[in-house]
Amino acid sequence: MLEALREMGAAVSEKLYITGLFDTPTGYQGYSGDYLVVSDNESGVHFTGIEKIAADLTGYGFGGSSSTNTQELTEQISQTIVNDNLIILDTDYSFQTKYLNGSISSDSNITDLEFTNLTIGDTYRLSSTVSINSDGTAGDKIKVNYYHDGNKIAAVYSDNISQSVSTSVLFNATSNSLSVSGQNLDANNYIEGNPNEITFTQVEKISDNMIAPEIIAITDGSTQTFNGATMAEYNYIKIEGENVSATIEIDGDSFVVAQSGDQMVWDQGGAGETTLNLGESHLVTLSNGRVIEIKFYRTGSLYFAINKKSDPPAPDPTPTVTPTPSVTPSSTPAVTPTVTPTPSTSPNNNQTYSTFPSSLPFKLR
């Protein structure tokens, strides 16, 4: 009886879907990634996007320092949820966003995108997207540079094409301000702002609850050695000073890394020499097949990361050698020699013997 009830319960559960309950959604199509919530009047359930969560959090006092607009908070929550490092959302979470109100066509500070109220000692993430318009004429790259406390911490550029470019970088505030400036701008090569295009900068205060990555500090001209099998997945490296260089050894392969202006050179003087701009990354395959990623974060002092992407391929198994069975030679049967008997003769007294007979026909006296 109990077994029959169990089987009946299993059959019912296979046919019971939430869409079949009273006052529920009639299907799942079109709701990928949405959340299931109980209606405000508690009469049923329905799907909703992240806007519902953002609105509820706004009501509970969560939000950015410049605004508690539901759409802005929605974007921030989405960004936080997909962050690879850590999900963090608490009352210490704050951000500010500045938009470019009009196009900029001359080299100067872009005051619309600057900040003057950072807290010294706090850690911030700078994120920015810039819309660049170019006439396509060959010339110097159109750049936007970001400075903090006299050091360039990030830059974006376009190589004479119209496009939107983005960057993101973490920094520790050592002054209250962050400035932005254009480079190689003119009437035909300029930065677009509202209302035509969206150009913005955003600084996000990193919560004290977020674990900061450990930074490996090495000196100019030194050598840092890594064992690929035991090194961390993400390795953040700082070389103190301007126009510095050092040697990185990984699994026996040696690379010189150097700073050249606001660029980083990987494997300087080697067969794989590669120049990186701020925010760019480069994949390197070591001699043993291990793949690593080099990512350039900032100048001032040289900051970059070495990240493990894949391990060396497993070696082919050594084939098992089946020994050839030894052949025991068949023995050749021994041949018994045929002995031809010596014919016997009857002795007589007059016979001469070539050998002394075993018995004599006469008696000795």
Protein backbone atom coordinates (compact mmCIF):
# COMPACT_ATOMS: atom_id res chain seq x y z
CA MET A 1 0.00 0.00 0.00
CA LEU A 2 2.78 2.46 0.96
CA GLU A 3 4.65 1.63 -2.23
CA ALA A 4 1.54 2.33 -4.29
CA LEU A 5 1.10 5.75 -2.61
CA ARG A 6 4.75 6.60 -3.24
CA GLU A 7 4.42 5.79 -6.92
CA MET A 8 1.24 7.85 -7.18
CA GLY A 9 2.93 10.83 -5.51
CA ALA A 10 5.87 10.59 -7.92
CA ALA A 11 3.49 10.50 -10.90
CA VAL A 12 1.67 13.61 -9.66
CA SER A 13 4.92 15.55 -9.04
CA GLU A 14 6.05 14.86 -12.59
CA LYS A 15 2.90 16.53 -13.93
CA LEU A 16 2.67 19.44 -11.45
CA TYR A 17 4.22 22.67 -12.66
CA ILE A 18 4.04 26.10 -11.06
CA THR A 19 2.38 27.42 -14.20
CA GLY A 20 -0.53 25.11 -13.49
CA LEU A 21 -1.37 26.62 -10.10
CA PHE A 22 -4.06 29.24 -9.54
CA ASP A 23 -3.15 32.82 -10.50
CA THR A 24 0.35 31.99 -11.75
CA PRO A 25 2.26 32.60 -15.00
CA THR A 26 0.98 30.57 -17.91
CA GLY A 27 4.42 29.78 -19.31
CA TYR A 28 8.18 30.29 -18.96
CA GLN A 29 8.98 31.57 -22.47
CA GLY A 30 10.34 35.12 -22.52
CA TYR A 31 11.23 35.18 -18.81
CA SER A 32 14.83 33.95 -18.92
CA GLY A 33 16.77 35.36 -15.98
CA ASP A 34 13.70 36.89 -14.30
CA TYR A 35 12.74 36.41 -10.67
CA LEU A 36 9.62 34.80 -9.21
CA VAL A 37 7.92 36.96 -6.56
CA VAL A 38 4.65 36.88 -4.64
CA SER A 39 2.20 39.60 -5.68
CA ASP A 40 1.81 42.58 -3.34
CA ASN A 41 -1.78 41.51 -2.48
CA GLU A 42 -0.55 37.93 -1.82
CA SER A 43 -3.03 36.55 -4.36
CA GLY A 44 -0.51 34.73 -6.53
CA VAL A 45 3.01 34.74 -7.96
CA HIS A 46 4.50 36.31 -11.09
CA PHE A 47 7.80 36.83 -12.87
CA THR A 48 9.64 40.15 -12.59
CA GLY A 49 12.93 41.63 -13.70
CA ILE A 50 15.56 43.16 -11.47
CA GLU A 51 13.63 46.45 -11.46
CA LYS A 52 11.39 45.08 -8.71
CA ILE A 53 14.36 44.29 -6.50
CA ALA A 54 15.91 47.70 -7.22
CA ALA A 55 12.67 49.47 -6.31
CA ASP A 56 12.39 47.53 -3.05
CA LEU A 57 16.01 48.26 -2.13
CA THR A 58 15.49 51.94 -2.90
CA GLY A 59 12.59 51.91 -0.48
CA TYR A 60 14.86 50.46 2.19
CA GLY A 61 17.45 53.21 1.75
CA PHE A 62 19.94 51.59 -0.63
CA GLY A 63 21.21 53.65 -3.52
CA GLY A 64 23.96 55.78 -5.01
CA SER A 65 25.30 58.88 -3.33
CA SER A 66 24.23 61.12 -6.22
CA SER A 67 20.79 59.62 -6.75
CA THR A 68 18.40 56.89 -5.62
CA ASN A 69 16.85 56.63 -9.06
CA THR A 70 15.48 53.11 -9.53
CA GLN A 71 16.96 52.72 -13.03
CA GLU A 72 20.44 53.74 -11.84
CA LEU A 73 20.28 51.34 -8.92
CA THR A 74 19.05 48.61 -11.27
CA GLU A 75 22.14 49.08 -13.41
CA GLN A 76 24.39 49.04 -10.35
CA ILE A 77 22.84 45.86 -8.95
CA SER A 78 23.21 44.16 -12.33
CA GLN A 79 26.85 45.21 -12.49
CA THR A 80 27.45 43.93 -8.97
CA ILE A 81 25.72 40.59 -9.54
CA VAL A 82 27.82 39.77 -12.59
CA ASN A 83 31.08 40.93 -11.00
CA ASP A 84 33.60 38.08 -11.20
CA ASN A 85 35.18 38.81 -7.85
CA LEU A 86 32.49 39.32 -5.22
CA ILE A 87 28.81 40.13 -4.78
CA ILE A 88 28.57 43.04 -2.37
CA LEU A 89 25.57 45.20 -1.64
CA ASP A 90 25.30 47.06 1.65
CA THR A 91 24.79 50.57 3.01
CA ASP A 92 28.46 51.35 2.32
CA TYR A 93 27.94 50.84 -1.40
CA SER A 94 28.04 54.22 -3.17
CA PHE A 95 28.89 55.63 -6.57
CA GLN A 96 28.88 58.86 -8.54
CA THR A 97 28.39 59.32 -12.27
CA LYS A 98 29.34 62.36 -14.39
CA TYR A 99 28.16 62.87 -17.98
CA LEU A 100 29.69 64.96 -20.75
CA ASN A 101 27.12 67.62 -21.60
CA GLY A 102 28.53 68.64 -24.97
CA SER A 103 31.21 67.76 -27.51
CA ILE A 104 34.88 68.56 -26.77
CA SER A 105 37.17 69.47 -29.69
CA SER A 106 40.26 70.96 -28.00
CA ASP A 107 42.96 69.62 -25.71
CA SER A 108 42.01 70.68 -22.20
CA ASN A 109 40.64 69.39 -18.92
CA ILE A 110 37.15 67.95 -19.31
CA THR A 111 35.52 69.39 -16.21
CA ASP A 112 32.17 67.66 -16.81
CA LEU A 113 33.85 64.31 -16.09
CA GLU A 114 35.93 65.30 -13.05
CA PHE A 115 35.47 64.51 -9.34
CA THR A 116 36.56 66.60 -6.36
CA ASN A 117 34.99 64.83 -3.37
CA LEU A 118 36.92 61.56 -3.04
CA THR A 119 37.84 60.40 0.46
CA ILE A 120 41.56 59.95 1.01
CA GLY A 121 42.33 56.38 2.04
CA ASP A 122 39.30 54.82 0.37
CA THR A 123 39.51 52.47 -2.61
CA TYR A 124 37.55 53.34 -5.75
CA ARG A 125 36.79 51.76 -9.09
CA LEU A 126 36.92 54.16 -12.03
CA SER A 127 34.74 53.16 -15.00
CA SER A 128 34.36 55.27 -18.10
CA THR A 129 33.00 55.12 -21.63
CA VAL A 130 33.96 57.72 -24.23
CA SER A 131 32.39 58.30 -27.64
CA ILE A 132 35.09 59.40 -30.08
CA ASN A 133 34.37 60.89 -33.52
CA SER A 134 37.16 60.85 -36.10
CA ASP A 135 37.34 61.87 -39.75
CA GLY A 136 39.63 58.88 -40.40
CA THR A 137 42.65 60.95 -41.40
CA ALA A 138 45.91 59.33 -40.38
CA GLY A 139 47.52 61.10 -37.47
CA ASP A 140 48.04 60.96 -33.75
CA LYS A 141 45.69 58.80 -31.71
CA ILE A 142 42.73 60.56 -30.12
CA LYS A 143 43.11 60.06 -26.36
CA VAL A 144 41.33 60.70 -23.10
CA ASN A 145 43.57 60.52 -20.03
CA TYR A 146 42.55 60.07 -16.38
CA TYR A 147 44.74 61.49 -13.59
CA HIS A 148 44.74 61.11 -9.82
CA ASP A 149 47.15 62.90 -7.53
CA GLY A 150 49.40 63.76 -10.48
CA ASN A 151 49.60 60.21 -11.84
CA LYS A 152 47.91 58.87 -14.95
CA ILE A 153 45.82 55.93 -13.80
CA ALA A 154 43.95 55.10 -17.02
CA ALA A 155 43.51 56.15 -20.65
CA VAL A 156 41.34 55.34 -23.66
CA TYR A 157 42.12 56.07 -27.27
CA SER A 158 40.96 55.62 -30.85
CA ASP A 159 43.29 55.03 -33.76
CA ASN A 160 41.56 57.43 -36.18
CA ILE A 161 38.20 55.69 -36.28
CA SER A 162 34.85 56.67 -34.78
CA GLN A 163 33.98 54.39 -31.89
CA SER A 164 33.05 54.14 -28.22
CA VAL A 165 35.85 52.95 -25.94
CA SER A 166 35.77 51.96 -22.27
CA THR A 167 38.11 51.40 -19.36
CA SER A 168 37.92 50.32 -15.72
CA VAL A 169 40.58 50.46 -13.00
CA LEU A 170 40.86 50.27 -9.20
CA PHE A 171 42.84 52.93 -7.31
CA ASN A 172 43.47 54.05 -3.75
CA ALA A 173 42.59 57.70 -3.16
CA THR A 174 45.60 59.75 -2.10
CA SER A 175 43.89 63.06 -2.90
CA ASN A 176 40.30 64.30 -3.17
CA SER A 177 40.14 64.74 -6.93
CA LEU A 178 40.20 62.86 -10.23
CA SER A 179 40.77 64.83 -13.44
CA VAL A 180 40.16 64.00 -17.11
CA SER A 181 41.75 65.58 -20.19
CA GLY A 182 41.59 65.21 -23.97
CA GLN A 183 44.58 64.82 -26.28
CA ASN A 184 44.99 65.36 -30.05
CA LEU A 185 41.47 66.80 -30.41
CA ASP A 186 40.32 69.21 -33.11
CA ALA A 187 37.19 70.15 -35.04
CA ASN A 188 37.26 66.91 -37.04
CA ASN A 189 38.44 64.63 -34.26
CA TYR A 190 36.50 65.17 -31.07
CA ILE A 191 34.70 63.62 -28.12
CA GLU A 192 30.93 63.48 -28.40
CA GLY A 193 28.64 64.21 -25.47
CA ASN A 194 24.93 64.55 -24.87
CA PRO A 195 22.56 64.75 -26.62
CA ASN A 196 24.28 62.95 -29.51
CA GLU A 197 26.21 60.26 -27.65
CA ILE A 198 26.78 59.10 -24.09
CA THR A 199 30.20 59.83 -22.62
CA PHE A 200 30.59 59.38 -18.86
CA THR A 201 32.88 58.62 -15.95
CA GLN A 202 31.84 56.83 -12.78
CA VAL A 203 33.66 56.31 -9.50
CA GLU A 204 32.45 53.56 -7.20
CA LYS A 205 33.57 53.33 -3.59
CA ILE A 206 34.66 49.79 -2.80
CA SER A 207 33.15 48.48 0.43
CA ASP A 208 35.45 47.71 3.32
CA ASN A 209 33.84 44.26 3.27
CA MET A 210 35.37 43.51 -0.12
CA ILE A 211 38.64 41.61 -0.01
CA ALA A 212 41.35 43.48 -1.93
CA PRO A 213 43.76 41.36 -3.99
CA GLU A 214 47.26 40.82 -2.67
CA ILE A 215 49.82 42.79 -4.67
CA ILE A 216 53.30 41.36 -5.34
CA ALA A 217 55.73 44.29 -5.12
CA ILE A 218 59.04 43.85 -6.95
CA THR A 219 61.87 46.29 -7.57
CA ASP A 220 63.25 47.73 -10.77
CA GLY A 221 65.73 45.34 -12.39
CA SER A 222 64.80 42.36 -10.22
CA THR A 223 63.59 38.86 -11.17
CA GLN A 224 60.30 37.31 -10.01
CA THR A 225 59.92 33.55 -10.44
CA PHE A 226 56.61 31.66 -10.61
CA ASN A 227 55.86 27.95 -10.61
CA GLY A 228 52.89 27.60 -12.95
CA ALA A 229 51.53 24.58 -11.11
CA THR A 230 51.36 26.32 -7.72
CA MET A 231 50.97 30.03 -8.59
CA ALA A 232 47.69 31.77 -7.80
CA GLU A 233 45.02 32.08 -10.47
CA TYR A 234 45.34 35.89 -10.39
CA ASN A 235 48.71 37.54 -9.64
CA TYR A 236 48.79 41.34 -9.32
CA ILE A 237 52.27 42.81 -9.69
CA LYS A 238 53.61 46.29 -8.98
CA ILE A 239 57.02 47.63 -10.04
CA GLU A 240 57.68 50.90 -8.20
CA GLY A 241 59.00 53.85 -10.20
CA GLU A 242 58.92 55.38 -13.67
CA ASN A 243 60.12 53.60 -16.83
CA VAL A 244 60.98 50.48 -14.83
CA SER A 245 61.66 46.94 -15.96
CA ALA A 246 61.98 43.49 -14.41
CA THR A 247 62.31 39.85 -15.43
CA ILE A 248 59.44 37.40 -14.99
CA GLU A 249 60.24 33.69 -15.02
CA ILE A 250 57.41 31.17 -15.32
CA ASP A 251 58.01 27.43 -15.67
CA GLY A 252 61.52 28.09 -16.91
CA ASP A 253 60.50 30.66 -19.56
CA SER A 254 61.95 34.15 -19.07
CA PHE A 255 60.33 37.46 -20.09
CA VAL A 256 61.41 41.07 -19.63
CA VAL A 257 58.54 43.41 -18.78
CA ALA A 258 59.10 47.15 -19.08
CA GLN A 259 57.25 50.45 -18.88
CA SER A 260 57.56 52.79 -21.83
CA GLY A 261 55.71 56.06 -21.26
CA ASP A 262 52.08 55.14 -20.70
CA GLN A 263 52.52 51.72 -22.32
CA MET A 264 53.77 48.34 -21.11
CA VAL A 265 56.09 46.09 -23.12
CA TRP A 266 55.94 42.34 -22.50
CA ASP A 267 58.91 40.15 -23.50
CA GLN A 268 60.99 43.20 -24.41
CA GLY A 269 63.70 42.18 -26.87
CA GLY A 270 62.28 38.67 -27.15
CA ALA A 271 60.54 36.80 -29.94
CA GLY A 272 57.12 37.53 -28.41
CA GLU A 273 57.58 41.26 -27.75
CA THR A 274 54.15 42.89 -27.38
CA THR A 275 53.19 46.46 -26.50
CA LEU A 276 50.05 46.96 -24.38
CA ASN A 277 48.01 50.07 -23.74
CA LEU A 278 46.16 50.64 -20.49
CA GLY A 279 43.46 48.03 -19.95
CA GLU A 280 44.66 45.74 -22.74
CA SER A 281 45.50 42.06 -22.24
CA HIS A 282 47.63 39.53 -24.09
CA LEU A 283 47.66 35.71 -24.09
CA VAL A 284 51.00 33.92 -23.87
CA THR A 285 51.62 30.22 -24.44
CA LEU A 286 54.61 28.94 -22.48
CA SER A 287 57.02 26.30 -23.75
CA ASN A 288 55.24 23.61 -21.75
CA GLY A 289 51.84 24.51 -23.24
CA ARG A 290 50.50 26.45 -20.24
CA VAL A 291 48.53 29.56 -21.27
CA ILE A 292 48.68 32.77 -19.21
CA GLU A 293 47.08 36.18 -19.64
CA ILE A 294 49.00 39.42 -19.18
CA LYS A 295 46.82 42.44 -18.32
CA PHE A 296 48.13 46.01 -18.07
CA TYR A 297 46.40 48.08 -15.37
CA ARG A 298 48.17 51.39 -14.86
CA THR A 299 51.32 53.48 -15.06
CA GLY A 300 52.91 55.79 -12.50
CA SER A 301 54.31 52.70 -10.98
CA LEU A 302 53.83 49.78 -13.32
CA TYR A 303 50.80 47.66 -12.37
CA PHE A 304 49.94 44.49 -14.29
CA ALA A 305 48.55 41.02 -13.69
CA ILE A 306 49.53 37.50 -14.70
CA ASN A 307 46.49 35.24 -14.76
CA LYS A 308 46.41 31.50 -15.36
CA LYS A 309 44.12 30.57 -18.26
CA SER A 310 44.84 26.89 -18.89
CA ASP A 311 47.24 24.19 -17.71
CA PRO A 312 49.65 22.33 -19.97
CA PRO A 313 48.09 19.48 -21.94
CA ALA A 314 48.34 16.12 -20.25
CA PRO A 315 51.27 14.10 -21.61
CA ASP A 316 50.45 11.13 -23.79
CA PRO A 317 50.47 7.98 -21.68
CA THR A 318 53.56 5.82 -22.04
CA PRO A 319 52.48 2.78 -24.05
CA THR A 320 52.68 -0.53 -22.24
CA VAL A 321 55.21 -2.77 -23.94
CA THR A 322 54.06 -6.37 -24.14
CA PRO A 323 57.16 -8.54 -23.81
CA THR A 324 57.80 -11.03 -26.59
CA PRO A 325 57.49 -14.49 -25.11
CA SER A 326 60.79 -16.34 -25.08
CA VAL A 327 60.89 -19.51 -27.15
CA THR A 328 62.31 -22.54 -25.38
CA PRO A 329 64.24 -24.46 -28.01
CA SER A 330 63.24 -28.08 -28.28
CA SER A 331 66.05 -30.31 -27.20
CA THR A 332 67.65 -32.58 -29.77
CA PRO A 333 67.47 -36.16 -28.51
CA ALA A 334 70.85 -37.61 -27.71
CA VAL A 335 72.06 -40.14 -30.23
CA THR A 336 73.31 -43.34 -28.69
CA PRO A 337 76.43 -44.32 -30.63
CA THR A 338 76.43 -47.72 -32.18
CA VAL A 339 79.19 -49.77 -30.71
CA THR A 340 80.57 -52.41 -32.96
CA PRO A 341 81.59 -55.31 -30.75
CA THR A 342 85.04 -56.77 -31.18
CA PRO A 343 84.65 -60.33 -32.39
CA SER A 344 85.85 -62.83 -29.90
CA THR A 345 88.25 -65.59 -30.91
CA SER A 346 88.96 -68.80 -29.17
CA PRO A 347 92.46 -68.62 -27.75
CA ASN A 348 95.00 -71.40 -28.26
CA ASN A 349 98.37 -71.98 -26.86
CA ASN A 350 100.11 -70.69 -29.92
CA GLN A 351 98.10 -67.39 -30.18
CA THR A 352 99.84 -64.12 -29.76
CA TYR A 353 97.71 -61.58 -27.82
CA SER A 354 97.82 -57.93 -28.51
CA THR A 355 96.29 -57.38 -25.11
CA PHE A 356 96.69 -59.19 -21.97
CA PRO A 357 93.71 -61.58 -21.58
CA SER A 358 91.62 -61.50 -18.47
CA SER A 359 92.30 -65.15 -17.89
CA LEU A 360 95.02 -67.40 -18.95
CA PRO A 361 94.61 -70.87 -20.45
CA PHE A 362 97.46 -72.21 -18.39
CA LYS A 363 98.53 -72.13 -14.85
CA LEU A 364 101.75 -70.45 -13.84
CA ARG A 365 104.17 -72.32 -11.77
